[in-house]
Amino acid sequence: MHADVTGKKIVTLENDGPLLGCAILASVGAGVHESVEAAVKKMVREGESVFPSMEVSEFAFFSFFLFFSVFTLTCRWHVVNRP
C-alpha cells in the first residue's frame, strides 16, 4: 500500500524497526560501534522489496488531487461566507 500511494519502491526490514533503532543507539552508546552509520551497516538487514502498481499509484494520486481540490474550495467557501 505504501509503495502504491507514494509511487516509490519500499524495502522492508527483516528486523523489527523500532526495536532495531533502540539497539543501534544502545550499541553506539555502549561503544560497540563507533557511529550510528557503522551500527546501521552491521545491524540492518533488508527484507523484500515492494514495487508500486502504476494503476493504483495513478488512482491514489487522482484521489488525493480530487480530495485536495474539494477541501480547498470548501475552505474558501467558509472564509467568504463567514457570519
N, C-alpha and C. Protein backbone atom coordinates (compact mmCIF):
# COMPACT_ATOMS: atom_id res chain seq x y z
N MET A 1 0.82 -1.19 0.00
CA MET A 1 0.00 0.00 0.00
C MET A 1 0.87 1.26 0.00
N HIS A 2 1.92 1.28 0.83
CA HIS A 2 2.80 2.45 0.86
C HIS A 2 3.46 2.67 -0.49
N ALA A 3 3.87 1.58 -1.13
CA ALA A 3 4.51 1.71 -2.44
C ALA A 3 3.53 2.26 -3.46
N ASP A 4 2.29 1.79 -3.41
CA ASP A 4 1.28 2.26 -4.36
C ASP A 4 0.97 3.74 -4.17
N VAL A 5 0.85 4.17 -2.93
CA VAL A 5 0.47 5.56 -2.65
C VAL A 5 1.62 6.51 -2.99
N THR A 6 2.85 6.13 -2.66
CA THR A 6 3.98 7.02 -2.91
C THR A 6 4.53 6.89 -4.33
N GLY A 7 4.27 5.76 -4.98
CA GLY A 7 4.84 5.53 -6.30
C GLY A 7 6.32 5.19 -6.25
N LYS A 8 6.81 4.83 -5.08
CA LYS A 8 8.23 4.53 -4.88
C LYS A 8 8.41 3.09 -4.42
N LYS A 9 9.59 2.54 -4.66
CA LYS A 9 9.93 1.21 -4.17
C LYS A 9 10.09 1.28 -2.65
N ILE A 10 9.53 0.31 -1.95
CA ILE A 10 9.65 0.23 -0.50
C ILE A 10 10.46 -1.03 -0.16
N VAL A 11 11.46 -0.88 0.69
CA VAL A 11 12.26 -2.02 1.12
C VAL A 11 11.92 -2.29 2.58
N THR A 12 11.48 -3.50 2.85
CA THR A 12 11.14 -3.86 4.23
C THR A 12 12.40 -4.31 4.96
N LEU A 13 12.30 -4.41 6.27
CA LEU A 13 13.42 -4.88 7.09
C LEU A 13 13.12 -6.27 7.61
N GLU A 14 14.16 -7.08 7.77
CA GLU A 14 14.00 -8.39 8.39
C GLU A 14 13.82 -8.23 9.90
N ASN A 15 14.35 -7.15 10.46
CA ASN A 15 14.28 -6.90 11.89
C ASN A 15 13.08 -6.02 12.20
N ASP A 16 12.71 -5.96 13.47
CA ASP A 16 11.64 -5.06 13.91
C ASP A 16 12.21 -3.65 14.00
N GLY A 17 11.62 -2.70 13.27
CA GLY A 17 12.15 -1.35 13.13
C GLY A 17 12.40 -0.60 14.43
N PRO A 18 11.37 -0.39 15.27
CA PRO A 18 11.60 0.39 16.49
C PRO A 18 12.61 -0.26 17.45
N LEU A 19 12.52 -1.57 17.58
CA LEU A 19 13.47 -2.24 18.47
C LEU A 19 14.88 -2.17 17.91
N LEU A 20 14.99 -2.28 16.60
CA LEU A 20 16.29 -2.19 15.96
C LEU A 20 16.90 -0.81 16.16
N GLY A 21 16.08 0.23 16.06
CA GLY A 21 16.57 1.59 16.30
C GLY A 21 17.12 1.75 17.70
N CYS A 22 16.41 1.19 18.67
CA CYS A 22 16.90 1.24 20.06
C CYS A 22 18.22 0.49 20.20
N ALA A 23 18.31 -0.68 19.57
CA ALA A 23 19.53 -1.47 19.66
C ALA A 23 20.70 -0.76 18.99
N ILE A 24 20.45 -0.10 17.88
CA ILE A 24 21.51 0.64 17.19
C ILE A 24 22.04 1.75 18.08
N LEU A 25 21.13 2.54 18.65
CA LEU A 25 21.56 3.64 19.52
C LEU A 25 22.26 3.13 20.77
N ALA A 26 21.78 2.02 21.33
CA ALA A 26 22.42 1.45 22.52
C ALA A 26 23.82 0.94 22.19
N SER A 27 24.00 0.34 21.01
CA SER A 27 25.33 -0.16 20.66
C SER A 27 26.33 0.98 20.47
N VAL A 28 25.85 2.10 19.96
CA VAL A 28 26.74 3.26 19.82
C VAL A 28 27.05 3.83 21.20
N GLY A 29 26.03 3.92 22.05
CA GLY A 29 26.23 4.45 23.41
C GLY A 29 27.15 3.58 24.24
N ALA A 30 27.10 2.27 24.03
CA ALA A 30 27.95 1.35 24.79
C ALA A 30 29.35 1.22 24.21
N GLY A 31 29.58 1.85 23.06
CA GLY A 31 30.90 1.81 22.45
C GLY A 31 31.15 0.60 21.58
N VAL A 32 30.12 -0.20 21.30
CA VAL A 32 30.29 -1.37 20.44
C VAL A 32 30.56 -0.93 19.00
N HIS A 33 29.88 0.12 18.56
CA HIS A 33 30.09 0.69 17.24
C HIS A 33 30.51 2.14 17.39
N GLU A 34 31.32 2.62 16.45
CA GLU A 34 31.85 3.98 16.54
C GLU A 34 30.82 5.05 16.20
N SER A 35 29.87 4.72 15.34
CA SER A 35 28.88 5.70 14.92
C SER A 35 27.56 5.00 14.59
N VAL A 36 26.51 5.80 14.46
CA VAL A 36 25.21 5.25 14.09
C VAL A 36 25.30 4.64 12.69
N GLU A 37 26.00 5.30 11.79
CA GLU A 37 26.14 4.78 10.43
C GLU A 37 26.80 3.41 10.42
N ALA A 38 27.86 3.25 11.23
CA ALA A 38 28.56 1.96 11.31
C ALA A 38 27.64 0.89 11.90
N ALA A 39 26.87 1.25 12.91
CA ALA A 39 25.95 0.29 13.52
C ALA A 39 24.86 -0.12 12.53
N VAL A 40 24.37 0.83 11.76
CA VAL A 40 23.34 0.53 10.76
C VAL A 40 23.88 -0.44 9.72
N LYS A 41 25.10 -0.21 9.26
CA LYS A 41 25.70 -1.11 8.25
C LYS A 41 25.83 -2.53 8.78
N LYS A 42 26.11 -2.68 10.06
CA LYS A 42 26.29 -4.01 10.65
C LYS A 42 24.98 -4.68 11.04
N MET A 43 23.98 -3.89 11.46
CA MET A 43 22.81 -4.47 12.10
C MET A 43 21.55 -4.54 11.23
N VAL A 44 21.43 -3.68 10.25
CA VAL A 44 20.21 -3.64 9.45
C VAL A 44 20.30 -4.65 8.32
N ARG A 45 19.26 -5.48 8.21
CA ARG A 45 19.16 -6.45 7.12
C ARG A 45 17.89 -6.15 6.34
N GLU A 46 18.06 -5.91 5.05
CA GLU A 46 16.91 -5.61 4.21
C GLU A 46 16.13 -6.88 3.92
N GLY A 47 14.82 -6.74 3.89
CA GLY A 47 13.94 -7.84 3.54
C GLY A 47 13.53 -7.74 2.09
N GLU A 48 12.25 -7.95 1.83
CA GLU A 48 11.76 -7.91 0.46
C GLU A 48 11.53 -6.48 -0.01
N SER A 49 11.59 -6.31 -1.31
CA SER A 49 11.28 -5.03 -1.93
C SER A 49 9.87 -5.09 -2.49
N VAL A 50 9.11 -4.03 -2.27
CA VAL A 50 7.75 -3.95 -2.77
C VAL A 50 7.72 -2.82 -3.79
N PHE A 51 7.26 -3.14 -4.99
CA PHE A 51 7.22 -2.16 -6.07
C PHE A 51 5.79 -1.66 -6.26
N PRO A 52 5.64 -0.40 -6.63
CA PRO A 52 4.29 0.14 -6.79
C PRO A 52 3.59 -0.40 -8.04
N SER A 53 2.29 -0.49 -7.93
CA SER A 53 1.45 -0.78 -9.09
C SER A 53 1.08 0.57 -9.70
N MET A 54 1.47 0.80 -10.93
CA MET A 54 1.27 2.12 -11.53
C MET A 54 -0.21 2.48 -11.64
N GLU A 55 -1.08 1.49 -11.86
CA GLU A 55 -2.51 1.78 -11.94
C GLU A 55 -3.02 2.30 -10.60
N VAL A 56 -2.61 1.62 -9.52
CA VAL A 56 -3.05 2.03 -8.19
C VAL A 56 -2.43 3.37 -7.82
N SER A 57 -1.16 3.59 -8.19
CA SER A 57 -0.49 4.86 -7.90
C SER A 57 -1.20 6.02 -8.58
N GLU A 58 -1.58 5.82 -9.83
CA GLU A 58 -2.28 6.88 -10.56
C GLU A 58 -3.64 7.16 -9.93
N PHE A 59 -4.34 6.09 -9.51
CA PHE A 59 -5.64 6.27 -8.86
C PHE A 59 -5.47 7.00 -7.53
N ALA A 60 -4.44 6.64 -6.74
CA ALA A 60 -4.20 7.30 -5.46
C ALA A 60 -3.88 8.77 -5.67
N PHE A 61 -3.08 9.09 -6.68
CA PHE A 61 -2.74 10.48 -6.97
C PHE A 61 -3.99 11.26 -7.37
N PHE A 62 -4.81 10.67 -8.25
CA PHE A 62 -6.04 11.33 -8.68
C PHE A 62 -6.98 11.53 -7.50
N SER A 63 -7.11 10.53 -6.62
CA SER A 63 -7.99 10.64 -5.46
C SER A 63 -7.52 11.75 -4.53
N PHE A 64 -6.21 11.83 -4.29
CA PHE A 64 -5.69 12.89 -3.43
C PHE A 64 -5.92 14.25 -4.06
N PHE A 65 -5.69 14.37 -5.38
CA PHE A 65 -5.90 15.63 -6.07
C PHE A 65 -7.36 16.07 -5.96
N LEU A 66 -8.28 15.12 -6.13
CA LEU A 66 -9.71 15.42 -6.01
C LEU A 66 -10.05 15.85 -4.59
N PHE A 67 -9.56 15.11 -3.59
CA PHE A 67 -9.80 15.47 -2.19
C PHE A 67 -9.25 16.86 -1.89
N PHE A 68 -8.03 17.13 -2.31
CA PHE A 68 -7.39 18.42 -2.02
C PHE A 68 -8.16 19.55 -2.67
N SER A 69 -8.64 19.35 -3.90
CA SER A 69 -9.41 20.38 -4.60
C SER A 69 -10.70 20.69 -3.86
N VAL A 70 -11.42 19.65 -3.45
CA VAL A 70 -12.68 19.84 -2.73
C VAL A 70 -12.41 20.51 -1.38
N PHE A 71 -11.37 20.08 -0.70
CA PHE A 71 -11.01 20.66 0.59
C PHE A 71 -10.69 22.15 0.45
N THR A 72 -9.91 22.50 -0.56
CA THR A 72 -9.54 23.89 -0.79
C THR A 72 -10.76 24.75 -1.09
N LEU A 73 -11.63 24.26 -1.95
CA LEU A 73 -12.84 25.01 -2.28
C LEU A 73 -13.75 25.17 -1.07
N THR A 74 -13.85 24.14 -0.25
CA THR A 74 -14.66 24.21 0.96
C THR A 74 -14.11 25.24 1.93
N CYS A 75 -12.79 25.27 2.10
CA CYS A 75 -12.17 26.25 2.99
C CYS A 75 -12.41 27.67 2.49
N ARG A 76 -12.26 27.86 1.20
CA ARG A 76 -12.51 29.20 0.62
C ARG A 76 -13.96 29.61 0.81
N TRP A 77 -14.89 28.67 0.62
CA TRP A 77 -16.31 28.98 0.78
C TRP A 77 -16.59 29.41 2.21
N HIS A 78 -15.99 28.73 3.19
CA HIS A 78 -16.22 29.08 4.59
C HIS A 78 -15.62 30.46 4.92
N VAL A 79 -14.51 30.81 4.32
CA VAL A 79 -13.92 32.12 4.57
C VAL A 79 -14.80 33.22 3.97
N VAL A 80 -15.30 33.03 2.78
CA VAL A 80 -16.13 34.03 2.12
C VAL A 80 -17.48 34.16 2.80
N ASN A 81 -18.04 33.06 3.24
CA ASN A 81 -19.38 33.05 3.83
C ASN A 81 -19.36 33.05 5.36
N ARG A 82 -18.35 33.62 5.91
CA ARG A 82 -18.21 33.67 7.37
C ARG A 82 -19.30 34.58 7.94
N PRO A 83 -19.96 34.17 9.02
CA PRO A 83 -21.03 35.02 9.61
C PRO A 83 -20.51 36.30 10.23
